């Protein structure tokens, strides 16, 4: 499949994961978000950039457990409880935070256990 942008065509799999991670840029992320019915806010972008950095550092995406443990404390008092932060993430990414963030960040499709 392909993702068509104004100035280029990007190859994707049937679920819109990039086949070539080097094709990623912010315009690609915006197009993927639009296809998912998402409008990317500052919080969305912060999470996308977190996933890209985590992947560069560890050569894998973070699990949901790691995401909740590492970022939940950075969003203020109301997210001191893991369940509240998980709910917040699912409100941001109704199709699943980890797969959605991998797709938006141009990372490979997550396999195996992603929700802990």
Foldseek 3Di string as FASTA:
>chain_A
DWQDDPPDIFDAPPLQQGPDLVPDDQVSLCSLCVVVVADDDPVLVVLLVVQLVVCVVPVAGAALVCCLVPCQVVPDDVSPDSVVVLVVQCVRPVVDNRQSSCRSNNHDGDDDHRYD
